[in-house]
């Protein structure tokens, strides 16, 4: 599997760890950018959820939860790739993405 797959899974793992039951099963992670430079890897990823309320939960009060996801995921990604990482996360709402075959394929589920 490509490194992008493992990076997405490490981010998803933090969502599972921090949010318990409901949110993780309605979320996906899409790696949009993975640029390897001399001394750092720049990664930009979207966390995809079903509803605006889930987006608010993932972001947290004043960005506290998305920040925590980013910190924990970045540490694990750096350990995995053996290099410094700049991780940028965004949360996007895609209603019924799990019912859409093209979106499932785009997010790596088919």
PDB file of N, CA and C in Angstrom:
ATOM      1  N   UNK A   1       0.843  -1.188   0.000  1.00  0.00           N
ATOM      2  CA  UNK A   1       0.000   0.000   0.000  1.00  0.00           C
ATOM      3  C   UNK A   1       0.890   1.255   0.000  1.00  0.00           C
ATOM      4  N   UNK A   2       0.419   2.307  -0.658  1.00  0.00           N
ATOM      5  CA  UNK A   2       1.207   3.544  -0.690  1.00  0.00           C
ATOM      6  C   UNK A   2       1.203   4.254   0.667  1.00  0.00           C
ATOM      7  N   UNK A   3       2.203   5.084   0.872  1.00  0.00           N
ATOM      8  CA  UNK A   3       2.352   5.830   2.118  1.00  0.00           C
ATOM      9  C   UNK A   3       1.116   6.676   2.403  1.00  0.00           C
ATOM     10  N   UNK A   4       0.500   7.247   1.354  1.00  0.00           N
ATOM     11  CA  UNK A   4      -0.713   8.064   1.530  1.00  0.00           C
ATOM     12  C   UNK A   4      -1.802   7.292   2.262  1.00  0.00           C
ATOM     13  N   UNK A   5      -1.957   6.010   1.931  1.00  0.00           N
ATOM     14  CA  UNK A   5      -2.967   5.170   2.580  1.00  0.00           C
ATOM     15  C   UNK A   5      -2.706   5.103   4.082  1.00  0.00           C
ATOM     16  N   UNK A   6      -1.457   4.846   4.464  1.00  0.00           N
ATOM     17  CA  UNK A   6      -1.122   4.716   5.875  1.00  0.00           C
ATOM     18  C   UNK A   6      -1.269   6.041   6.610  1.00  0.00           C
ATOM     19  N   UNK A   7      -0.943   7.138   5.941  1.00  0.00           N
ATOM     20  CA  UNK A   7      -1.117   8.458   6.543  1.00  0.00           C
ATOM     21  C   UNK A   7      -2.594   8.705   6.832  1.00  0.00           C
ATOM     22  N   UNK A   8      -3.460   8.405   5.857  1.00  0.00           N
ATOM     23  CA  UNK A   8      -4.903   8.575   6.056  1.00  0.00           C
ATOM     24  C   UNK A   8      -5.392   7.701   7.212  1.00  0.00           C
ATOM     25  N   UNK A   9      -4.890   6.482   7.299  1.00  0.00           N
ATOM     26  CA  UNK A   9      -5.306   5.580   8.374  1.00  0.00           C
ATOM     27  C   UNK A   9      -4.828   6.069   9.739  1.00  0.00           C
ATOM     28  N   UNK A  10      -3.652   6.670   9.797  1.00  0.00           N
ATOM     29  CA  UNK A  10      -3.169   7.210  11.071  1.00  0.00           C
ATOM     30  C   UNK A  10      -4.050   8.370  11.537  1.00  0.00           C
ATOM     31  N   UNK A  11      -4.500   9.193  10.600  1.00  0.00           N
ATOM     32  CA  UNK A  11      -5.406  10.298  10.947  1.00  0.00           C
ATOM     33  C   UNK A  11      -6.750   9.732  11.413  1.00  0.00           C
ATOM     34  N   UNK A  12      -7.274   8.748  10.671  1.00  0.00           N
ATOM     35  CA  UNK A  12      -8.549   8.117  11.060  1.00  0.00           C
ATOM     36  C   UNK A  12      -8.445   7.464  12.435  1.00  0.00           C
ATOM     37  N   UNK A  13      -7.303   6.869  12.731  1.00  0.00           N
ATOM     38  CA  UNK A  13      -7.098   6.245  14.036  1.00  0.00           C
ATOM     39  C   UNK A  13      -7.261   7.270  15.161  1.00  0.00           C
ATOM     40  N   UNK A  14      -6.769   8.473  14.952  1.00  0.00           N
ATOM     41  CA  UNK A  14      -6.899   9.522  15.978  1.00  0.00           C
ATOM     42  C   UNK A  14      -8.358   9.939  16.140  1.00  0.00           C
ATOM     43  N   UNK A  15      -9.099   9.943  15.054  1.00  0.00           N
ATOM     44  CA  UNK A  15     -10.536  10.256  15.148  1.00  0.00           C
ATOM     45  C   UNK A  15     -11.232   9.181  15.976  1.00  0.00           C
ATOM     46  N   UNK A  16     -10.923   7.916  15.727  1.00  0.00           N
ATOM     47  CA  UNK A  16     -11.497   6.819  16.516  1.00  0.00           C
ATOM     48  C   UNK A  16     -11.130   6.976  17.985  1.00  0.00           C
ATOM     49  N   UNK A  17      -9.879   7.261  18.232  1.00  0.00           N
ATOM     50  CA  UNK A  17      -9.385   7.366  19.610  1.00  0.00           C
ATOM     51  C   UNK A  17     -10.040   8.528  20.368  1.00  0.00           C
ATOM     52  N   UNK A  18     -10.216   9.661  19.705  1.00  0.00           N
ATOM     53  CA  UNK A  18     -10.708  10.860  20.387  1.00  0.00           C
ATOM     54  C   UNK A  18     -12.231  10.973  20.454  1.00  0.00           C
ATOM     55  N   UNK A  19     -12.956  10.301  19.548  1.00  0.00           N
ATOM     56  CA  UNK A  19     -14.400  10.544  19.462  1.00  0.00           C
ATOM     57  C   UNK A  19     -15.286   9.344  19.764  1.00  0.00           C
ATOM     58  N   UNK A  20     -14.739   8.211  20.067  1.00  0.00           N
ATOM     59  CA  UNK A  20     -15.593   7.096  20.458  1.00  0.00           C
ATOM     60  C   UNK A  20     -16.402   6.516  19.326  1.00  0.00           C
ATOM     61  N   UNK A  21     -17.719   6.392  19.507  1.00  0.00           N
ATOM     62  CA  UNK A  21     -18.535   5.589  18.609  1.00  0.00           C
ATOM     63  C   UNK A  21     -19.029   6.256  17.331  1.00  0.00           C
ATOM     64  N   UNK A  22     -19.858   7.280  17.428  1.00  0.00           N
ATOM     65  CA  UNK A  22     -20.606   7.736  16.262  1.00  0.00           C
ATOM     66  C   UNK A  22     -19.758   8.365  15.164  1.00  0.00           C
ATOM     67  N   UNK A  23     -18.980   9.353  15.483  1.00  0.00           N
ATOM     68  CA  UNK A  23     -18.271  10.141  14.478  1.00  0.00           C
ATOM     69  C   UNK A  23     -17.352   9.298  13.593  1.00  0.00           C
ATOM     70  N   UNK A  24     -16.531   8.425  14.138  1.00  0.00           N
ATOM     71  CA  UNK A  24     -15.592   7.704  13.281  1.00  0.00           C
ATOM     72  C   UNK A  24     -16.236   6.889  12.168  1.00  0.00           C
ATOM     73  N   UNK A  25     -17.427   6.363  12.414  1.00  0.00           N
ATOM     74  CA  UNK A  25     -18.069   5.535  11.409  1.00  0.00           C
ATOM     75  C   UNK A  25     -18.708   6.358  10.297  1.00  0.00           C
ATOM     76  N   UNK A  26     -18.776   7.649  10.487  1.00  0.00           N
ATOM     77  CA  UNK A  26     -19.336   8.544   9.479  1.00  0.00           C
ATOM     78  C   UNK A  26     -18.271   9.486   8.942  1.00  0.00           C
ATOM     79  N   UNK A  27     -17.019   9.078   9.041  1.00  0.00           N
ATOM     80  CA  UNK A  27     -15.943   9.944   8.574  1.00  0.00           C
ATOM     81  C   UNK A  27     -14.981   9.170   7.676  1.00  0.00           C
ATOM     82  N   UNK A  28     -14.326   9.922   6.803  1.00  0.00           N
ATOM     83  CA  UNK A  28     -13.289   9.376   5.930  1.00  0.00           C
ATOM     84  C   UNK A  28     -12.180  10.416   5.871  1.00  0.00           C
ATOM     85  N   UNK A  29     -10.998   9.987   5.476  1.00  0.00           N
ATOM     86  CA  UNK A  29      -9.878  10.906   5.330  1.00  0.00           C
ATOM     87  C   UNK A  29      -9.363  10.810   3.909  1.00  0.00           C
ATOM     88  N   UNK A  30      -9.234  11.965   3.277  1.00  0.00           N
ATOM     89  CA  UNK A  30      -8.759  12.049   1.897  1.00  0.00           C
ATOM     90  C   UNK A  30      -7.473  12.873   1.883  1.00  0.00           C
ATOM     91  N   UNK A  31      -6.385  12.271   1.436  1.00  0.00           N
ATOM     92  CA  UNK A  31      -5.105  12.976   1.332  1.00  0.00           C
ATOM     93  C   UNK A  31      -5.094  13.713  -0.003  1.00  0.00           C
ATOM     94  N   UNK A  32      -5.077  15.038   0.051  1.00  0.00           N
ATOM     95  CA  UNK A  32      -5.089  15.860  -1.162  1.00  0.00           C
ATOM     96  C   UNK A  32      -3.699  16.225  -1.641  1.00  0.00           C
ATOM     97  N   UNK A  33      -2.777  16.342  -0.705  1.00  0.00           N
ATOM     98  CA  UNK A  33      -1.425  16.768  -1.055  1.00  0.00           C
ATOM     99  C   UNK A  33      -0.434  16.008  -0.199  1.00  0.00           C
ATOM    100  N   UNK A  34       0.605  15.499  -0.847  1.00  0.00           N
ATOM    101  CA  UNK A  34       1.683  14.795  -0.157  1.00  0.00           C
ATOM    102  C   UNK A  34       2.962  15.155  -0.885  1.00  0.00           C
ATOM    103  N   UNK A  35       3.628  16.214  -0.412  1.00  0.00           N
ATOM    104  CA  UNK A  35       4.836  16.717  -1.070  1.00  0.00           C
ATOM    105  C   UNK A  35       6.045  16.456  -0.196  1.00  0.00           C
ATOM    106  N   UNK A  36       6.968  15.695  -0.747  1.00  0.00           N
ATOM    107  CA  UNK A  36       8.207  15.410  -0.037  1.00  0.00           C
ATOM    108  C   UNK A  36       9.255  16.429  -0.456  1.00  0.00           C
ATOM    109  N   UNK A  37       9.760  17.155   0.514  1.00  0.00           N
ATOM    110  CA  UNK A  37      10.830  18.108   0.268  1.00  0.00           C
ATOM    111  C   UNK A  37      12.089  17.600   0.957  1.00  0.00           C
ATOM    112  N   UNK A  38      13.147  18.374   0.894  1.00  0.00           N
ATOM    113  CA  UNK A  38      14.426  17.942   1.441  1.00  0.00           C
ATOM    114  C   UNK A  38      14.356  17.573   2.918  1.00  0.00           C
ATOM    115  N   UNK A  39      13.740  18.417   3.720  1.00  0.00           N
ATOM    116  CA  UNK A  39      13.759  18.182   5.163  1.00  0.00           C
ATOM    117  C   UNK A  39      12.376  18.124   5.805  1.00  0.00           C
ATOM    118  N   UNK A  40      11.313  18.125   4.989  1.00  0.00           N
ATOM    119  CA  UNK A  40       9.954  18.076   5.553  1.00  0.00           C
ATOM    120  C   UNK A  40       8.994  17.497   4.516  1.00  0.00           C
ATOM    121  N   UNK A  41       7.950  16.871   5.007  1.00  0.00           N
ATOM    122  CA  UNK A  41       6.873  16.391   4.130  1.00  0.00           C
ATOM    123  C   UNK A  41       5.645  17.233   4.435  1.00  0.00           C
ATOM    124  N   UNK A  42       5.059  17.818   3.386  1.00  0.00           N
ATOM    125  CA  UNK A  42       3.845  18.624   3.555  1.00  0.00           C
ATOM    126  C   UNK A  42       2.647  17.766   3.165  1.00  0.00           C
ATOM    127  N   UNK A  43       1.726  17.625   4.102  1.00  0.00           N
ATOM    128  CA  UNK A  43       0.526  16.811   3.881  1.00  0.00           C
ATOM    129  C   UNK A  43      -0.696  17.676   4.130  1.00  0.00           C
ATOM    130  N   UNK A  44      -1.625  17.665   3.177  1.00  0.00           N
ATOM    131  CA  UNK A  44      -2.905  18.350   3.354  1.00  0.00           C
ATOM    132  C   UNK A  44      -3.985  17.292   3.189  1.00  0.00           C
ATOM    133  N   UNK A  45      -4.856  17.188   4.198  1.00  0.00           N
ATOM    134  CA  UNK A  45      -5.888  16.153   4.189  1.00  0.00           C
ATOM    135  C   UNK A  45      -7.239  16.736   4.578  1.00  0.00           C
ATOM    136  N   UNK A  46      -8.280  16.135   4.000  1.00  0.00           N
ATOM    137  CA  UNK A  46      -9.655  16.485   4.353  1.00  0.00           C
ATOM    138  C   UNK A  46     -10.247  15.363   5.193  1.00  0.00           C
ATOM    139  N   UNK A  47     -10.904  15.736   6.255  1.00  0.00           N
ATOM    140  CA  UNK A  47     -11.712  14.799   7.032  1.00  0.00           C
ATOM    141  C   UNK A  47     -13.140  15.003   6.535  1.00  0.00           C
ATOM    142  N   UNK A  48     -13.716  13.965   5.971  1.00  0.00           N
ATOM    143  CA  UNK A  48     -15.051  14.032   5.368  1.00  0.00           C
ATOM    144  C   UNK A  48     -16.071  13.480   6.362  1.00  0.00           C
ATOM    145  N   UNK A  49     -17.144  14.243   6.588  1.00  0.00           N
ATOM    146  CA  UNK A  49     -18.225  13.811   7.483  1.00  0.00           C
ATOM    147  C   UNK A  49     -19.569  13.982   6.779  1.00  0.00           C
ATOM    148  N   UNK A  50     -20.624  13.421   7.374  1.00  0.00           N
ATOM    149  CA  UNK A  50     -21.978  13.458   6.804  1.00  0.00           C
ATOM    150  C   UNK A  50     -22.715  14.776   7.040  1.00  0.00           C
ATOM    151  N   UNK A  51     -22.589  15.329   8.261  1.00  0.00           N
ATOM    152  CA  UNK A  51     -23.438  16.463   8.645  1.00  0.00           C
ATOM    153  C   UNK A  51     -22.624  17.610   9.242  1.00  0.00           C
ATOM    154  N   UNK A  52     -23.223  18.796   9.209  1.00  0.00           N
ATOM    155  CA  UNK A  52     -22.601  19.993   9.799  1.00  0.00           C
ATOM    156  C   UNK A  52     -22.355  19.809  11.289  1.00  0.00           C
ATOM    157  N   UNK A  53     -23.264  19.108  11.976  1.00  0.00           N
ATOM    158  CA  UNK A  53     -23.079  18.894  13.412  1.00  0.00           C
ATOM    159  C   UNK A  53     -21.825  18.053  13.676  1.00  0.00           C
ATOM    160  N   UNK A  54     -21.560  17.083  12.799  1.00  0.00           N
ATOM    161  CA  UNK A  54     -20.357  16.272  12.949  1.00  0.00           C
ATOM    162  C   UNK A  54     -19.112  17.116  12.690  1.00  0.00           C
ATOM    163  N   UNK A  55     -19.221  18.025  11.729  1.00  0.00           N
ATOM    164  CA  UNK A  55     -18.106  18.927  11.439  1.00  0.00           C
ATOM    165  C   UNK A  55     -17.783  19.758  12.683  1.00  0.00           C
ATOM    166  N   UNK A  56     -18.807  20.283  13.325  1.00  0.00           N
ATOM    167  CA  UNK A  56     -18.608  21.091  14.528  1.00  0.00           C
ATOM    168  C   UNK A  56     -17.950  20.274  15.637  1.00  0.00           C
ATOM    169  N   UNK A  57     -18.329  19.011  15.764  1.00  0.00           N
ATOM    170  CA  UNK A  57     -17.745  18.147  16.793  1.00  0.00           C
ATOM    171  C   UNK A  57     -16.271  17.890  16.490  1.00  0.00           C
ATOM    172  N   UNK A  58     -15.956  17.595  15.238  1.00  0.00           N
ATOM    173  CA  UNK A  58     -14.571  17.327  14.842  1.00  0.00           C
ATOM    174  C   UNK A  58     -13.703  18.564  15.070  1.00  0.00           C
ATOM    175  N   UNK A  59     -14.220  19.738  14.724  1.00  0.00           N
ATOM    176  CA  UNK A  59     -13.445  20.969  14.911  1.00  0.00           C
ATOM    177  C   UNK A  59     -13.295  21.280  16.391  1.00  0.00           C
ATOM    178  N   UNK A  60     -14.361  21.113  17.158  1.00  0.00           N
ATOM    179  CA  UNK A  60     -14.304  21.378  18.595  1.00  0.00           C
ATOM    180  C   UNK A  60     -14.378  22.856  18.894  1.00  0.00           C
ATOM    181  N   UNK A  61     -14.485  23.152  20.177  1.00  0.00           N
ATOM    182  CA  UNK A  61     -14.576  24.544  20.612  1.00  0.00           C
ATOM    183  C   UNK A  61     -13.269  25.260  20.316  1.00  0.00           C
ATOM    184  N   UNK A  62     -13.373  26.304  19.512  1.00  0.00           N
ATOM    185  CA  UNK A  62     -12.221  27.124  19.117  1.00  0.00           C
ATOM    186  C   UNK A  62     -11.124  26.298  18.455  1.00  0.00           C
ATOM    187  N   UNK A  63     -11.512  25.210  17.761  1.00  0.00           N
ATOM    188  CA  UNK A  63     -10.548  24.396  17.027  1.00  0.00           C
ATOM    189  C   UNK A  63      -9.752  23.426  17.879  1.00  0.00           C
ATOM    190  N   UNK A  64     -10.190  23.205  19.109  1.00  0.00           N
ATOM    191  CA  UNK A  64      -9.404  22.381  20.032  1.00  0.00           C
ATOM    192  C   UNK A  64      -9.287  20.925  19.590  1.00  0.00           C
ATOM    193  N   UNK A  65     -10.349  20.353  19.049  1.00  0.00           N
ATOM    194  CA  UNK A  65     -10.316  18.932  18.692  1.00  0.00           C
ATOM    195  C   UNK A  65      -9.536  18.694  17.400  1.00  0.00           C
ATOM    196  N   UNK A  66      -9.740  19.528  16.397  1.00  0.00           N
ATOM    197  CA  UNK A  66      -8.987  19.348  15.145  1.00  0.00           C
ATOM    198  C   UNK A  66      -7.499  19.550  15.409  1.00  0.00           C
ATOM    199  N   UNK A  67      -7.181  20.454  16.316  1.00  0.00           N
ATOM    200  CA  UNK A  67      -5.781  20.679  16.702  1.00  0.00           C
ATOM    201  C   UNK A  67      -5.213  19.419  17.350  1.00  0.00           C
ATOM    202  N   UNK A  68      -5.982  18.805  18.236  1.00  0.00           N
ATOM    203  CA  UNK A  68      -5.522  17.589  18.921  1.00  0.00           C
ATOM    204  C   UNK A  68      -5.356  16.428  17.936  1.00  0.00           C
ATOM    205  N   UNK A  69      -6.292  16.285  17.005  1.00  0.00           N
ATOM    206  CA  UNK A  69      -6.155  15.261  15.959  1.00  0.00           C
ATOM    207  C   UNK A  69      -4.848  15.494  15.211  1.00  0.00           C
ATOM    208  N   UNK A  70      -4.620  16.738  14.818  1.00  0.00           N
ATOM    209  CA  UNK A  70      -3.429  17.076  14.053  1.00  0.00           C
ATOM    210  C   UNK A  70      -2.137  16.801  14.809  1.00  0.00           C
ATOM    211  N   UNK A  71      -2.095  17.167  16.079  1.00  0.00           N
ATOM    212  CA  UNK A  71      -0.887  16.952  16.882  1.00  0.00           C
ATOM    213  C   UNK A  71      -0.581  15.459  17.001  1.00  0.00           C
ATOM    214  N   UNK A  72      -1.590  14.691  17.389  1.00  0.00           N
ATOM    215  CA  UNK A  72      -1.377  13.256  17.594  1.00  0.00           C
ATOM    216  C   UNK A  72      -1.050  12.548  16.285  1.00  0.00           C
ATOM    217  N   UNK A  73      -1.773  12.893  15.224  1.00  0.00           N
ATOM    218  CA  UNK A  73      -1.531  12.257  13.923  1.00  0.00           C
ATOM    219  C   UNK A  73      -0.147  12.625  13.398  1.00  0.00           C
ATOM    220  N   UNK A  74       0.243  13.884  13.524  1.00  0.00           N
ATOM    221  CA  UNK A  74       1.550  14.320  13.030  1.00  0.00           C
ATOM    222  C   UNK A  74       2.672  13.558  13.726  1.00  0.00           C
ATOM    223  N   UNK A  75       2.557  13.367  15.027  1.00  0.00           N
ATOM    224  CA  UNK A  75       3.586  12.635  15.761  1.00  0.00           C
ATOM    225  C   UNK A  75       3.716  11.206  15.246  1.00  0.00           C
ATOM    226  N   UNK A  76       2.587  10.542  15.021  1.00  0.00           N
ATOM    227  CA  UNK A  76       2.620   9.167  14.517  1.00  0.00           C
ATOM    228  C   UNK A  76       3.122   9.111  13.076  1.00  0.00           C
ATOM    229  N   UNK A  77       2.719  10.067  12.261  1.00  0.00           N
ATOM    230  CA  UNK A  77       3.171  10.098  10.863  1.00  0.00           C
ATOM    231  C   UNK A  77       4.674  10.327  10.803  1.00  0.00           C
ATOM    232  N   UNK A  78       5.192  11.234  11.626  1.00  0.00           N
ATOM    233  CA  UNK A  78       6.636  11.478  11.655  1.00  0.00           C
ATOM    234  C   UNK A  78       7.397  10.211  12.048  1.00  0.00           C
ATOM    235  N   UNK A  79       6.885   9.480  13.014  1.00  0.00           N
ATOM    236  CA  UNK A  79       7.513   8.221  13.416  1.00  0.00           C
ATOM    237  C   UNK A  79       7.454   7.203  12.278  1.00  0.00           C
ATOM    238  N   UNK A  80       6.361   7.191  11.534  1.00  0.00           N
ATOM    239  CA  UNK A  80       6.169   6.236  10.442  1.00  0.00           C
ATOM    240  C   UNK A  80       7.097   6.541   9.262  1.00  0.00           C
ATOM    241  N   UNK A  81       7.185   7.817   8.863  1.00  0.00           N
ATOM    242  CA  UNK A  81       7.987   8.173   7.680  1.00  0.00           C
ATOM    243  C   UNK A  81       9.428   8.526   8.029  1.00  0.00           C
ATOM    244  N   UNK A  82       9.713   8.743   9.311  1.00  0.00           N
ATOM    245  CA  UNK A  82      11.072   9.058   9.728  1.00  0.00           C
ATOM    246  C   UNK A  82      11.549  10.431   9.303  1.00  0.00           C
ATOM    247  N   UNK A  83      10.631  11.364   9.210  1.00  0.00           N
ATOM    248  CA  UNK A  83      10.956  12.717   8.762  1.00  0.00           C
ATOM    249  C   UNK A  83       9.961  13.694   9.376  1.00  0.00           C
ATOM    250  N   UNK A  84      10.346  14.963   9.460  1.00  0.00           N
ATOM    251  CA  UNK A  84       9.433  16.001   9.952  1.00  0.00           C
ATOM    252  C   UNK A  84       8.258  16.143   8.994  1.00  0.00           C
ATOM    253  N   UNK A  85       7.083  16.448   9.569  1.00  0.00           N
ATOM    254  CA  UNK A  85       5.858  16.556   8.782  1.00  0.00           C
ATOM    255  C   UNK A  85       5.137  17.849   9.132  1.00  0.00           C
ATOM    256  N   UNK A  86       4.663  18.533   8.100  1.00  0.00           N
ATOM    257  CA  UNK A  86       3.732  19.647   8.268  1.00  0.00           C
ATOM    258  C   UNK A  86       2.378  19.101   7.853  1.00  0.00           C
ATOM    259  N   UNK A  87       1.442  19.021   8.785  1.00  0.00           N
ATOM    260  CA  UNK A  87       0.129  18.429   8.529  1.00  0.00           C
ATOM    261  C   UNK A  87      -0.942  19.502   8.611  1.00  0.00           C
ATOM    262  N   UNK A  88      -1.710  19.628   7.549  1.00  0.00           N
ATOM    263  CA  UNK A  88      -2.803  20.602   7.490  1.00  0.00           C
ATOM    264  C   UNK A  88      -4.102  19.825   7.284  1.00  0.00           C
ATOM    265  N   UNK A  89      -5.048  20.008   8.208  1.00  0.00           N
ATOM    266  CA  UNK A  89      -6.313  19.279   8.172  1.00  0.00           C
ATOM    267  C   UNK A  89      -7.483  20.231   7.956  1.00  0.00           C
ATOM    268  N   UNK A  90      -8.433  19.792   7.141  1.00  0.00           N
ATOM    269  CA  UNK A  90      -9.679  20.506   6.923  1.00  0.00           C
ATOM    270  C   UNK A  90     -10.823  19.526   7.134  1.00  0.00           C
ATOM    271  N   UNK A  91     -11.988  20.038   7.538  1.00  0.00           N
ATOM    272  CA  UNK A  91     -13.167  19.200   7.703  1.00  0.00           C
ATOM    273  C   UNK A  91     -14.190  19.638   6.662  1.00  0.00           C
ATOM    274  N   UNK A  92     -14.701  18.660   5.891  1.00  0.00           N
ATOM    275  CA  UNK A  92     -15.673  18.952   4.847  1.00  0.00           C
ATOM    276  C   UNK A  92     -16.906  18.078   5.026  1.00  0.00           C
ATOM    277  N   UNK A  93     -18.055  18.656   4.735  1.00  0.00           N
ATOM    278  CA  UNK A  93     -19.323  17.933   4.831  1.00  0.00           C
ATOM    279  C   UNK A  93     -19.704  17.433   3.449  1.00  0.00           C
ATOM    280  N   UNK A  94     -19.914  16.129   3.339  1.00  0.00           N
ATOM    281  CA  UNK A  94     -20.392  15.496   2.114  1.00  0.00           C
ATOM    282  C   UNK A  94     -21.561  14.594   2.496  1.00  0.00           C
ATOM    283  N   UNK A  95     -22.792  15.135   2.436  1.00  0.00           N
ATOM    284  CA  UNK A  95     -23.955  14.331   2.831  1.00  0.00           C
ATOM    285  C   UNK A  95     -24.041  13.032   2.023  1.00  0.00           C
ATOM    286  N   UNK A  96     -24.320  11.963   2.719  1.00  0.00           N
ATOM    287  CA  UNK A  96     -24.538  10.640   2.120  1.00  0.00           C
ATOM    288  C   UNK A  96     -23.357  10.154   1.291  1.00  0.00           C
ATOM    289  N   UNK A  97     -22.136  10.503   1.657  1.00  0.00           N
ATOM    290  CA  UNK A  97     -20.980  10.053   0.888  1.00  0.00           C
ATOM    291  C   UNK A  97     -20.855   8.537   0.907  1.00  0.00           C
ATOM    292  N   UNK A  98     -21.340   7.892   1.957  1.00  0.00           N
ATOM    293  CA  UNK A  98     -21.240   6.427   2.023  1.00  0.00           C
ATOM    294  C   UNK A  98     -22.207   5.737   1.063  1.00  0.00           C
ATOM    295  N   UNK A  99     -23.190   6.469   0.547  1.00  0.00           N
ATOM    296  CA  UNK A  99     -24.143   5.901  -0.410  1.00  0.00           C
ATOM    297  C   UNK A  99     -23.766   6.201  -1.853  1.00  0.00           C
ATOM    298  N   UNK A 100     -22.669   6.892  -2.074  1.00  0.00           N
ATOM    299  CA  UNK A 100     -22.263   7.317  -3.401  1.00  0.00           C
ATOM    300  C   UNK A 100     -21.022   6.514  -3.819  1.00  0.00           C
ATOM    301  N   UNK A 101     -21.176   5.654  -4.833  1.00  0.00           N
ATOM    302  CA  UNK A 101     -20.082   4.774  -5.248  1.00  0.00           C
ATOM    303  C   UNK A 101     -18.834   5.531  -5.691  1.00  0.00           C
ATOM    304  N   UNK A 102     -19.014   6.641  -6.399  1.00  0.00           N
ATOM    305  CA  UNK A 102     -17.839   7.389  -6.865  1.00  0.00           C
ATOM    306  C   UNK A 102     -17.094   8.030  -5.693  1.00  0.00           C
ATOM    307  N   UNK A 103     -17.823   8.520  -4.700  1.00  0.00           N
ATOM    308  CA  UNK A 103     -17.158   9.090  -3.532  1.00  0.00           C
ATOM    309  C   UNK A 103     -16.487   7.998  -2.705  1.00  0.00           C
ATOM    310  N   UNK A 104     -17.119   6.842  -2.562  1.00  0.00           N
ATOM    311  CA  UNK A 104     -16.495   5.729  -1.849  1.00  0.00           C
ATOM    312  C   UNK A 104     -15.177   5.341  -2.512  1.00  0.00           C
ATOM    313  N   UNK A 105     -15.178   5.287  -3.814  1.00  0.00           N
ATOM    314  CA  UNK A 105     -13.960   4.949  -4.555  1.00  0.00           C
ATOM    315  C   UNK A 105     -12.892   6.019  -4.357  1.00  0.00           C
ATOM    316  N   UNK A 106     -13.279   7.289  -4.421  1.00  0.00           N
ATOM    317  CA  UNK A 106     -12.344   8.401  -4.230  1.00  0.00           C
ATOM    318  C   UNK A 106     -11.703   8.358  -2.848  1.00  0.00           C
ATOM    319  N   UNK A 107     -12.454   7.945  -1.844  1.00  0.00           N
ATOM    320  CA  UNK A 107     -11.958   7.886  -0.477  1.00  0.00           C
ATOM    321  C   UNK A 107     -11.263   6.564  -0.158  1.00  0.00           C
ATOM    322  N   UNK A 108     -11.153   5.686  -1.164  1.00  0.00           N
ATOM    323  CA  UNK A 108     -10.373   4.464  -1.008  1.00  0.00           C
ATOM    324  C   UNK A 108     -11.110   3.271  -0.453  1.00  0.00           C
ATOM    325  N   UNK A 109     -12.445   3.260  -0.555  1.00  0.00           N
ATOM    326  CA  UNK A 109     -13.220   2.156  -0.008  1.00  0.00           C
ATOM    327  C   UNK A 109     -13.657   1.125  -1.042  1.00  0.00           C
ATOM    328  N   UNK A 110     -13.292   1.294  -2.294  1.00  0.00           N
ATOM    329  CA  UNK A 110     -13.656   0.289  -3.308  1.00  0.00           C
ATOM    330  C   UNK A 110     -12.510   0.041  -4.227  1.00  0.00           C
TER     331      UNK A 110
END
